[in-house]
N, C-alpha and C. Protein backbone atom coordinates (compact mmCIF):
# COMPACT_ATOMS: atom_id res chain seq x y z
N MET A 1 -105.37 48.25 -13.44
CA MET A 1 -104.51 48.33 -14.60
C MET A 1 -103.03 48.46 -14.21
N LYS A 2 -102.79 49.27 -13.14
CA LYS A 2 -101.41 49.43 -12.69
C LYS A 2 -100.84 48.09 -12.22
N ASN A 3 -101.65 47.28 -11.56
CA ASN A 3 -101.20 45.97 -11.08
C ASN A 3 -100.84 45.04 -12.23
N ILE A 4 -101.58 45.09 -13.29
CA ILE A 4 -101.31 44.25 -14.47
C ILE A 4 -99.99 44.68 -15.10
N ILE A 5 -99.76 45.97 -15.21
CA ILE A 5 -98.51 46.49 -15.80
C ILE A 5 -97.33 46.11 -14.90
N ARG A 6 -97.48 46.26 -13.59
CA ARG A 6 -96.41 45.88 -12.65
C ARG A 6 -96.09 44.40 -12.77
N THR A 7 -97.09 43.56 -12.84
CA THR A 7 -96.90 42.12 -12.97
C THR A 7 -96.16 41.79 -14.25
N LYS A 8 -96.53 42.44 -15.36
CA LYS A 8 -95.86 42.19 -16.65
C LYS A 8 -94.41 42.67 -16.60
N ILE A 9 -94.18 43.81 -15.96
CA ILE A 9 -92.81 44.34 -15.85
C ILE A 9 -91.96 43.39 -15.01
N LYS A 10 -92.49 42.88 -13.91
CA LYS A 10 -91.77 41.94 -13.06
C LYS A 10 -91.42 40.67 -13.83
N LYS A 11 -92.39 40.14 -14.61
CA LYS A 11 -92.14 38.93 -15.40
C LYS A 11 -91.08 39.19 -16.46
N LEU A 12 -91.17 40.35 -17.11
CA LEU A 12 -90.20 40.72 -18.13
C LEU A 12 -88.81 40.86 -17.52
N PHE A 13 -88.73 41.51 -16.37
CA PHE A 13 -87.46 41.70 -15.67
C PHE A 13 -86.88 40.34 -15.26
N ALA A 14 -87.70 39.47 -14.70
CA ALA A 14 -87.26 38.13 -14.28
C ALA A 14 -86.76 37.33 -15.47
N THR A 15 -87.43 37.43 -16.59
CA THR A 15 -87.01 36.74 -17.81
C THR A 15 -85.66 37.28 -18.29
N ALA A 16 -85.49 38.59 -18.27
CA ALA A 16 -84.23 39.21 -18.70
C ALA A 16 -83.08 38.79 -17.80
N VAL A 17 -83.30 38.80 -16.49
CA VAL A 17 -82.26 38.39 -15.54
C VAL A 17 -81.91 36.93 -15.76
N SER A 18 -82.88 36.07 -15.94
CA SER A 18 -82.63 34.65 -16.20
C SER A 18 -81.81 34.46 -17.46
N ALA A 19 -82.12 35.22 -18.51
CA ALA A 19 -81.38 35.13 -19.77
C ALA A 19 -79.93 35.54 -19.58
N VAL A 20 -79.69 36.60 -18.80
CA VAL A 20 -78.32 37.06 -18.55
C VAL A 20 -77.55 36.00 -17.77
N ILE A 21 -78.17 35.45 -16.73
CA ILE A 21 -77.51 34.42 -15.93
C ILE A 21 -77.22 33.19 -16.78
N LEU A 22 -78.15 32.75 -17.59
CA LEU A 22 -77.95 31.59 -18.45
C LEU A 22 -76.83 31.83 -19.44
N SER A 23 -76.81 33.01 -20.08
CA SER A 23 -75.76 33.28 -21.06
C SER A 23 -74.40 33.38 -20.39
N ALA A 24 -74.34 33.93 -19.18
CA ALA A 24 -73.06 34.02 -18.46
C ALA A 24 -72.56 32.63 -18.11
N SER A 25 -73.46 31.74 -17.71
CA SER A 25 -73.02 30.40 -17.34
C SER A 25 -72.57 29.60 -18.56
N ILE A 26 -73.04 29.93 -19.70
CA ILE A 26 -72.61 29.25 -20.92
C ILE A 26 -71.22 29.74 -21.34
N MET A 27 -70.95 31.03 -21.15
CA MET A 27 -69.67 31.60 -21.57
C MET A 27 -68.54 31.26 -20.60
N ILE A 28 -68.81 31.20 -19.30
CA ILE A 28 -67.79 30.94 -18.30
C ILE A 28 -68.23 29.73 -17.47
N PRO A 29 -67.62 28.59 -17.69
CA PRO A 29 -68.03 27.40 -16.94
C PRO A 29 -67.90 27.62 -15.44
N ALA A 30 -68.87 27.15 -14.69
CA ALA A 30 -68.85 27.31 -13.23
C ALA A 30 -67.72 26.51 -12.61
N ASN A 31 -67.37 25.40 -13.19
CA ASN A 31 -66.31 24.55 -12.66
C ASN A 31 -65.06 24.62 -13.53
N ALA A 32 -64.58 25.83 -13.76
CA ALA A 32 -63.39 26.00 -14.60
C ALA A 32 -62.20 25.30 -13.95
N ALA A 33 -61.42 24.60 -14.73
CA ALA A 33 -60.25 23.88 -14.23
C ALA A 33 -59.13 24.86 -13.92
N GLU A 34 -58.32 24.49 -12.94
CA GLU A 34 -57.15 25.27 -12.58
C GLU A 34 -55.95 24.36 -12.77
N TYR A 35 -54.90 24.88 -13.39
CA TYR A 35 -53.70 24.08 -13.61
C TYR A 35 -52.66 24.46 -12.58
N LEU A 36 -52.11 23.45 -11.90
CA LEU A 36 -51.15 23.67 -10.83
C LEU A 36 -49.95 22.76 -11.02
N TYR A 37 -48.83 23.17 -10.42
CA TYR A 37 -47.60 22.37 -10.47
C TYR A 37 -47.41 21.62 -9.16
N VAL A 38 -46.92 20.40 -9.26
CA VAL A 38 -46.45 19.69 -8.07
C VAL A 38 -45.18 20.43 -7.66
N SER A 39 -45.10 20.81 -6.38
CA SER A 39 -43.99 21.64 -5.93
C SER A 39 -43.75 21.47 -4.44
N GLY A 40 -42.48 21.45 -4.04
CA GLY A 40 -42.13 21.46 -2.63
C GLY A 40 -42.06 20.11 -1.95
N ALA A 41 -42.23 19.03 -2.67
CA ALA A 41 -42.11 17.71 -2.05
C ALA A 41 -40.64 17.46 -1.72
N GLU A 42 -40.33 17.23 -0.46
CA GLU A 42 -38.93 17.11 -0.07
C GLU A 42 -38.25 15.89 -0.67
N THR A 43 -39.00 14.88 -1.02
CA THR A 43 -38.41 13.71 -1.67
C THR A 43 -38.33 13.90 -3.19
N GLY A 44 -38.93 15.00 -3.69
CA GLY A 44 -38.93 15.26 -5.12
C GLY A 44 -40.16 14.74 -5.84
N ALA A 45 -41.04 14.02 -5.11
CA ALA A 45 -42.25 13.47 -5.73
C ALA A 45 -43.36 13.34 -4.69
N VAL A 46 -44.61 13.29 -5.17
CA VAL A 46 -45.77 13.09 -4.31
C VAL A 46 -46.59 11.92 -4.84
N TYR A 47 -47.43 11.38 -3.97
CA TYR A 47 -48.33 10.31 -4.37
C TYR A 47 -49.57 10.88 -5.04
N LEU A 48 -50.01 10.27 -6.12
CA LEU A 48 -51.32 10.54 -6.70
C LEU A 48 -52.23 9.48 -6.07
N ARG A 49 -52.94 9.88 -5.00
CA ARG A 49 -53.70 8.96 -4.17
C ARG A 49 -55.06 8.62 -4.78
N THR A 50 -55.60 7.48 -4.38
CA THR A 50 -56.91 7.05 -4.87
C THR A 50 -58.05 7.78 -4.17
N ALA A 51 -57.80 8.34 -2.97
CA ALA A 51 -58.79 9.11 -2.20
C ALA A 51 -58.02 10.02 -1.24
N PRO A 52 -58.66 11.07 -0.72
CA PRO A 52 -57.97 11.94 0.24
C PRO A 52 -57.47 11.13 1.45
N ALA A 53 -56.22 11.33 1.82
CA ALA A 53 -55.60 10.69 2.99
C ALA A 53 -55.49 9.17 2.88
N SER A 54 -55.66 8.63 1.70
CA SER A 54 -55.57 7.19 1.49
C SER A 54 -54.11 6.76 1.40
N SER A 55 -53.81 5.57 1.89
CA SER A 55 -52.45 5.04 1.73
C SER A 55 -52.31 4.38 0.36
N SER A 56 -53.42 4.17 -0.31
CA SER A 56 -53.42 3.58 -1.65
C SER A 56 -53.19 4.68 -2.69
N TYR A 57 -52.36 4.38 -3.69
CA TYR A 57 -52.08 5.40 -4.70
C TYR A 57 -51.87 4.77 -6.08
N TYR A 58 -52.05 5.62 -7.11
CA TYR A 58 -51.88 5.16 -8.49
C TYR A 58 -50.42 5.20 -8.92
N THR A 59 -49.76 6.33 -8.61
CA THR A 59 -48.39 6.56 -9.06
C THR A 59 -47.79 7.70 -8.25
N THR A 60 -46.56 8.04 -8.54
CA THR A 60 -45.95 9.24 -7.96
C THR A 60 -45.74 10.26 -9.07
N LEU A 61 -45.79 11.55 -8.69
CA LEU A 61 -45.57 12.65 -9.64
C LEU A 61 -44.42 13.50 -9.14
N ASN A 62 -43.49 13.80 -10.01
CA ASN A 62 -42.31 14.59 -9.65
C ASN A 62 -42.63 16.07 -9.50
N ASN A 63 -41.82 16.76 -8.67
CA ASN A 63 -41.91 18.21 -8.61
C ASN A 63 -41.81 18.76 -10.03
N GLY A 64 -42.63 19.75 -10.35
CA GLY A 64 -42.61 20.36 -11.68
C GLY A 64 -43.67 19.80 -12.61
N THR A 65 -44.35 18.71 -12.22
CA THR A 65 -45.40 18.11 -13.05
C THR A 65 -46.64 19.00 -13.02
N LEU A 66 -47.18 19.31 -14.17
CA LEU A 66 -48.40 20.13 -14.28
C LEU A 66 -49.62 19.22 -14.23
N VAL A 67 -50.58 19.56 -13.33
CA VAL A 67 -51.81 18.78 -13.19
C VAL A 67 -53.01 19.70 -13.30
N GLU A 68 -54.15 19.13 -13.62
CA GLU A 68 -55.41 19.88 -13.69
C GLU A 68 -56.16 19.64 -12.37
N SER A 69 -56.38 20.71 -11.60
CA SER A 69 -57.10 20.60 -10.33
C SER A 69 -58.59 20.76 -10.59
N ILE A 70 -59.38 19.76 -10.15
CA ILE A 70 -60.82 19.79 -10.43
C ILE A 70 -61.69 19.74 -9.18
N GLY A 71 -61.07 19.72 -8.00
CA GLY A 71 -61.86 19.68 -6.77
C GLY A 71 -60.98 19.75 -5.55
N TRP A 72 -61.60 19.80 -4.38
CA TRP A 72 -60.86 19.88 -3.12
C TRP A 72 -61.67 19.21 -2.02
N ALA A 73 -60.98 18.59 -1.06
CA ALA A 73 -61.64 18.00 0.11
C ALA A 73 -60.64 17.93 1.26
N ARG A 74 -61.17 17.86 2.47
CA ARG A 74 -60.32 17.68 3.65
C ARG A 74 -60.33 16.19 3.98
N GLY A 75 -59.13 15.63 4.20
CA GLY A 75 -59.02 14.21 4.52
C GLY A 75 -59.27 13.96 6.00
N TRP A 76 -59.39 12.70 6.39
CA TRP A 76 -59.60 12.34 7.78
C TRP A 76 -58.43 12.78 8.64
N ASP A 77 -57.25 12.97 8.02
CA ASP A 77 -56.05 13.39 8.75
C ASP A 77 -55.97 14.90 8.96
N GLY A 78 -56.98 15.65 8.48
CA GLY A 78 -57.01 17.10 8.66
C GLY A 78 -56.33 17.87 7.55
N GLU A 79 -55.62 17.19 6.67
CA GLU A 79 -54.94 17.84 5.54
C GLU A 79 -55.94 18.16 4.44
N GLY A 80 -55.64 19.20 3.65
CA GLY A 80 -56.42 19.49 2.45
C GLY A 80 -55.88 18.69 1.28
N TYR A 81 -56.76 18.24 0.41
CA TYR A 81 -56.37 17.47 -0.77
C TYR A 81 -57.07 18.02 -2.00
N ASN A 82 -56.32 18.21 -3.08
CA ASN A 82 -56.91 18.62 -4.35
C ASN A 82 -57.17 17.36 -5.18
N GLN A 83 -58.35 17.32 -5.78
CA GLN A 83 -58.62 16.27 -6.75
C GLN A 83 -58.03 16.76 -8.06
N VAL A 84 -57.18 15.95 -8.68
CA VAL A 84 -56.48 16.36 -9.89
C VAL A 84 -56.63 15.31 -10.97
N ARG A 85 -56.36 15.77 -12.20
CA ARG A 85 -56.40 14.87 -13.35
C ARG A 85 -55.09 15.06 -14.12
N ILE A 86 -54.51 13.93 -14.52
CA ILE A 86 -53.30 13.97 -15.35
C ILE A 86 -53.30 12.72 -16.22
N ASN A 87 -53.11 12.92 -17.50
CA ASN A 87 -53.07 11.82 -18.47
C ASN A 87 -54.27 10.87 -18.33
N GLY A 88 -55.45 11.44 -18.09
CA GLY A 88 -56.67 10.65 -18.00
C GLY A 88 -56.91 9.96 -16.67
N VAL A 89 -55.98 10.10 -15.73
CA VAL A 89 -56.14 9.50 -14.40
C VAL A 89 -56.56 10.59 -13.42
N THR A 90 -57.59 10.31 -12.63
CA THR A 90 -58.05 11.25 -11.61
C THR A 90 -57.68 10.71 -10.24
N GLY A 91 -57.04 11.56 -9.43
CA GLY A 91 -56.62 11.15 -8.09
C GLY A 91 -56.53 12.36 -7.17
N TRP A 92 -55.86 12.21 -6.04
CA TRP A 92 -55.80 13.25 -5.01
C TRP A 92 -54.36 13.50 -4.60
N ILE A 93 -54.01 14.80 -4.44
CA ILE A 93 -52.67 15.22 -3.99
C ILE A 93 -52.84 16.17 -2.82
N THR A 94 -51.98 16.05 -1.82
CA THR A 94 -51.99 16.96 -0.68
C THR A 94 -51.82 18.40 -1.19
N THR A 95 -52.72 19.27 -0.78
CA THR A 95 -52.76 20.64 -1.29
C THR A 95 -51.44 21.39 -1.10
N ARG A 96 -50.75 21.15 0.00
CA ARG A 96 -49.51 21.91 0.25
C ARG A 96 -48.41 21.60 -0.76
N TYR A 97 -48.58 20.55 -1.55
CA TYR A 97 -47.59 20.21 -2.58
C TYR A 97 -48.01 20.68 -3.97
N LEU A 98 -48.96 21.61 -4.04
CA LEU A 98 -49.39 22.16 -5.32
C LEU A 98 -49.20 23.67 -5.31
N SER A 99 -48.80 24.22 -6.44
CA SER A 99 -48.53 25.65 -6.54
C SER A 99 -48.90 26.14 -7.93
N SER A 100 -49.27 27.41 -8.01
CA SER A 100 -49.63 27.96 -9.32
C SER A 100 -48.39 28.32 -10.14
N TYR A 101 -47.23 28.19 -9.55
CA TYR A 101 -45.98 28.46 -10.28
C TYR A 101 -44.95 27.41 -9.89
N TYR A 102 -43.92 27.29 -10.70
CA TYR A 102 -42.84 26.36 -10.40
C TYR A 102 -41.55 27.01 -10.83
N TYR A 103 -40.58 27.06 -9.93
CA TYR A 103 -39.28 27.63 -10.28
C TYR A 103 -38.57 26.71 -11.26
N SER A 104 -38.11 27.28 -12.34
CA SER A 104 -37.42 26.46 -13.33
C SER A 104 -35.91 26.47 -13.10
N TYR A 105 -35.48 27.06 -11.97
CA TYR A 105 -34.06 27.03 -11.65
C TYR A 105 -33.65 25.60 -11.35
N PRO A 106 -32.39 25.27 -11.62
CA PRO A 106 -31.94 23.93 -11.24
C PRO A 106 -32.10 23.75 -9.72
N GLN A 107 -32.37 22.54 -9.28
CA GLN A 107 -32.59 22.31 -7.85
C GLN A 107 -31.40 22.74 -7.01
N TYR A 108 -30.18 22.56 -7.53
CA TYR A 108 -29.02 22.88 -6.72
C TYR A 108 -28.88 24.38 -6.44
N TYR A 109 -29.71 25.22 -7.08
CA TYR A 109 -29.71 26.66 -6.81
C TYR A 109 -29.97 26.93 -5.33
N TYR A 110 -30.73 26.08 -4.66
CA TYR A 110 -31.09 26.24 -3.26
C TYR A 110 -30.15 25.46 -2.34
N TYR A 111 -29.16 24.82 -2.88
CA TYR A 111 -28.27 23.96 -2.11
C TYR A 111 -27.00 24.72 -1.72
N THR A 112 -26.43 24.31 -0.60
CA THR A 112 -25.21 24.94 -0.08
C THR A 112 -24.01 24.06 -0.42
N GLU A 113 -22.97 24.67 -0.94
CA GLU A 113 -21.75 23.92 -1.23
C GLU A 113 -21.17 23.41 0.09
N SER A 114 -20.90 22.12 0.14
CA SER A 114 -20.45 21.48 1.37
C SER A 114 -19.36 20.48 1.05
N ARG A 115 -18.74 19.96 2.10
CA ARG A 115 -17.72 18.92 1.93
C ARG A 115 -18.06 17.71 2.78
N VAL A 116 -17.60 16.55 2.31
CA VAL A 116 -17.73 15.32 3.07
C VAL A 116 -16.64 15.33 4.14
N VAL A 117 -17.05 15.17 5.40
CA VAL A 117 -16.09 15.19 6.53
C VAL A 117 -16.44 14.11 7.54
N GLY A 118 -15.51 13.83 8.46
CA GLY A 118 -15.78 12.95 9.60
C GLY A 118 -15.85 11.47 9.30
N VAL A 119 -15.38 11.07 8.12
CA VAL A 119 -15.33 9.64 7.79
C VAL A 119 -13.94 9.31 7.29
N GLU A 120 -13.60 8.03 7.31
CA GLU A 120 -12.27 7.62 6.88
C GLU A 120 -12.12 7.65 5.36
N ASN A 121 -13.14 7.15 4.62
CA ASN A 121 -13.00 7.02 3.17
C ASN A 121 -14.06 7.80 2.38
N SER A 122 -15.34 7.43 2.54
CA SER A 122 -16.40 8.01 1.72
C SER A 122 -17.76 7.82 2.38
N ILE A 123 -18.77 8.49 1.81
CA ILE A 123 -20.15 8.32 2.26
C ILE A 123 -21.00 7.93 1.06
N TYR A 124 -22.19 7.41 1.33
CA TYR A 124 -23.11 7.04 0.27
C TYR A 124 -23.96 8.22 -0.15
N LEU A 125 -24.28 8.29 -1.45
CA LEU A 125 -25.36 9.15 -1.93
C LEU A 125 -26.56 8.21 -2.01
N TRP A 126 -27.40 8.25 -0.94
CA TRP A 126 -28.54 7.34 -0.83
C TRP A 126 -29.61 7.68 -1.86
N ASP A 127 -30.39 6.69 -2.26
CA ASP A 127 -31.46 6.92 -3.25
C ASP A 127 -32.75 7.44 -2.62
N SER A 128 -32.86 7.44 -1.27
CA SER A 128 -34.03 8.01 -0.60
C SER A 128 -33.64 8.36 0.84
N ALA A 129 -34.53 9.05 1.52
CA ALA A 129 -34.27 9.42 2.91
C ALA A 129 -34.37 8.22 3.84
N TYR A 130 -35.07 7.17 3.42
CA TYR A 130 -35.31 6.03 4.30
C TYR A 130 -34.69 4.72 3.81
N GLY A 131 -34.38 4.64 2.54
CA GLY A 131 -33.94 3.36 1.98
C GLY A 131 -32.50 3.00 2.25
N SER A 132 -32.14 1.79 1.84
CA SER A 132 -30.77 1.32 2.00
C SER A 132 -30.03 1.25 0.66
N GLY A 133 -30.74 1.61 -0.43
CA GLY A 133 -30.08 1.63 -1.74
C GLY A 133 -29.32 2.94 -1.94
N TYR A 134 -28.29 2.89 -2.74
CA TYR A 134 -27.52 4.11 -2.99
C TYR A 134 -27.04 4.15 -4.44
N TYR A 135 -26.71 5.38 -4.89
CA TYR A 135 -26.24 5.57 -6.27
C TYR A 135 -24.75 5.32 -6.39
N PHE A 136 -23.97 5.94 -5.52
CA PHE A 136 -22.51 5.79 -5.53
C PHE A 136 -21.96 6.36 -4.24
N THR A 137 -20.65 6.26 -4.06
CA THR A 137 -20.01 6.83 -2.87
C THR A 137 -19.33 8.14 -3.21
N ILE A 138 -19.25 9.01 -2.20
CA ILE A 138 -18.59 10.32 -2.36
C ILE A 138 -17.39 10.32 -1.44
N PRO A 139 -16.17 10.43 -1.98
CA PRO A 139 -14.96 10.39 -1.15
C PRO A 139 -14.88 11.56 -0.16
N VAL A 140 -14.20 11.31 0.97
CA VAL A 140 -13.98 12.34 1.98
C VAL A 140 -13.33 13.56 1.35
N TRP A 141 -13.71 14.74 1.77
CA TRP A 141 -13.26 16.06 1.32
C TRP A 141 -13.79 16.47 -0.05
N ASN A 142 -14.52 15.61 -0.72
CA ASN A 142 -15.14 16.01 -1.98
C ASN A 142 -16.32 16.95 -1.72
N TYR A 143 -16.64 17.75 -2.75
CA TYR A 143 -17.78 18.66 -2.65
C TYR A 143 -19.09 17.94 -2.91
N VAL A 144 -20.11 18.38 -2.20
CA VAL A 144 -21.47 17.92 -2.39
C VAL A 144 -22.36 19.13 -2.10
N TYR A 145 -23.47 19.27 -2.81
CA TYR A 145 -24.39 20.39 -2.59
C TYR A 145 -25.55 19.88 -1.75
N VAL A 146 -25.79 20.55 -0.61
CA VAL A 146 -26.74 20.04 0.39
C VAL A 146 -27.87 21.04 0.62
N ASP A 147 -29.08 20.51 0.68
CA ASP A 147 -30.26 21.30 1.06
C ASP A 147 -30.46 21.10 2.56
N TYR A 148 -29.97 22.06 3.35
CA TYR A 148 -30.01 21.91 4.81
C TYR A 148 -31.41 22.09 5.39
N GLY A 149 -32.37 22.46 4.57
CA GLY A 149 -33.76 22.56 5.02
C GLY A 149 -34.55 21.29 4.80
N SER A 150 -33.90 20.24 4.32
CA SER A 150 -34.62 19.01 3.95
C SER A 150 -34.36 17.84 4.89
N TYR A 151 -33.93 18.10 6.10
CA TYR A 151 -33.56 17.04 7.05
C TYR A 151 -34.70 16.04 7.25
N THR A 152 -34.43 14.77 6.98
CA THR A 152 -35.39 13.69 7.16
C THR A 152 -34.63 12.42 7.54
N ASN A 153 -35.01 11.80 8.64
CA ASN A 153 -34.45 10.51 9.03
C ASN A 153 -32.91 10.54 9.12
N GLY A 154 -32.36 11.64 9.60
CA GLY A 154 -30.90 11.73 9.75
C GLY A 154 -30.16 12.01 8.45
N ARG A 155 -30.90 12.36 7.40
CA ARG A 155 -30.27 12.62 6.09
C ARG A 155 -30.73 13.96 5.53
N TYR A 156 -29.88 14.53 4.66
CA TYR A 156 -30.21 15.74 3.91
C TYR A 156 -30.31 15.40 2.43
N LYS A 157 -31.17 16.10 1.73
CA LYS A 157 -31.22 16.00 0.28
C LYS A 157 -29.94 16.61 -0.26
N ALA A 158 -29.36 16.00 -1.28
CA ALA A 158 -28.07 16.45 -1.78
C ALA A 158 -27.94 16.23 -3.28
N TYR A 159 -26.95 16.93 -3.85
CA TYR A 159 -26.64 16.82 -5.28
C TYR A 159 -25.15 16.60 -5.41
N ALA A 160 -24.75 15.55 -6.11
CA ALA A 160 -23.33 15.27 -6.33
C ALA A 160 -23.19 14.48 -7.63
N GLY A 161 -22.15 14.77 -8.37
CA GLY A 161 -21.86 14.01 -9.58
C GLY A 161 -23.00 13.96 -10.57
N GLY A 162 -23.82 15.03 -10.65
CA GLY A 162 -24.93 15.07 -11.59
C GLY A 162 -26.16 14.29 -11.15
N THR A 163 -26.19 13.86 -9.88
CA THR A 163 -27.28 13.04 -9.37
C THR A 163 -27.84 13.62 -8.07
N TYR A 164 -29.17 13.60 -7.93
CA TYR A 164 -29.81 14.01 -6.68
C TYR A 164 -30.05 12.78 -5.83
N GLY A 165 -29.80 12.93 -4.52
CA GLY A 165 -30.02 11.83 -3.59
C GLY A 165 -30.03 12.38 -2.18
N TRP A 166 -29.58 11.55 -1.24
CA TRP A 166 -29.59 11.92 0.17
C TRP A 166 -28.24 11.53 0.78
N VAL A 167 -27.73 12.37 1.71
CA VAL A 167 -26.49 12.07 2.40
C VAL A 167 -26.75 12.05 3.91
N THR A 168 -25.95 11.28 4.63
CA THR A 168 -26.08 11.21 6.08
C THR A 168 -25.63 12.55 6.67
N ALA A 169 -26.49 13.16 7.47
CA ALA A 169 -26.31 14.54 7.94
C ALA A 169 -24.99 14.75 8.70
N GLN A 170 -24.58 13.81 9.51
CA GLN A 170 -23.39 14.02 10.34
C GLN A 170 -22.09 14.05 9.57
N TYR A 171 -22.13 13.69 8.27
CA TYR A 171 -20.89 13.62 7.49
C TYR A 171 -20.73 14.72 6.44
N VAL A 172 -21.55 15.75 6.52
CA VAL A 172 -21.38 16.87 5.59
C VAL A 172 -21.31 18.18 6.38
N MET A 173 -20.61 19.15 5.83
CA MET A 173 -20.43 20.42 6.49
C MET A 173 -20.36 21.53 5.45
N PRO A 174 -21.07 22.65 5.67
CA PRO A 174 -20.98 23.77 4.71
C PRO A 174 -19.53 24.22 4.57
N TRP A 175 -19.15 24.56 3.35
CA TRP A 175 -17.76 24.91 3.11
C TRP A 175 -17.64 26.31 2.54
């Protein structure tokens, strides 16, 4: 008789535990989405890639863009990648460019006031760290705001005349 009672108690207990687990999984989804900001890309944007570490991509997303993170994987290059969704498109972003917060300060808050020096007339405000296109020229001795932590390809990220771009490193100096 004791064995029958023990068996019934075990079955009852197992049923109760199963009910609790089932109700908990209904109330709190196991794969709850996390919302993250694109942040810290030195060019100001990241690729929304078709796969982790892929050179193929759908589009670029600017710093400050909010995305829904739905997964994670390590790419063949050793980097971590979050699977994200934005506007119905699902793709992959390098994990180091995602953050749970985003500073809403203007970008120039992190920039150092500098002057154009070492040239006869002016320098270009380039449209990228690698390209040959430019927005406009900045005359010698004019002020420009430079992010000295963004050195890429001989250029610094800069802000001048209401526009963000890149300046040739050898022609600017903190002032």
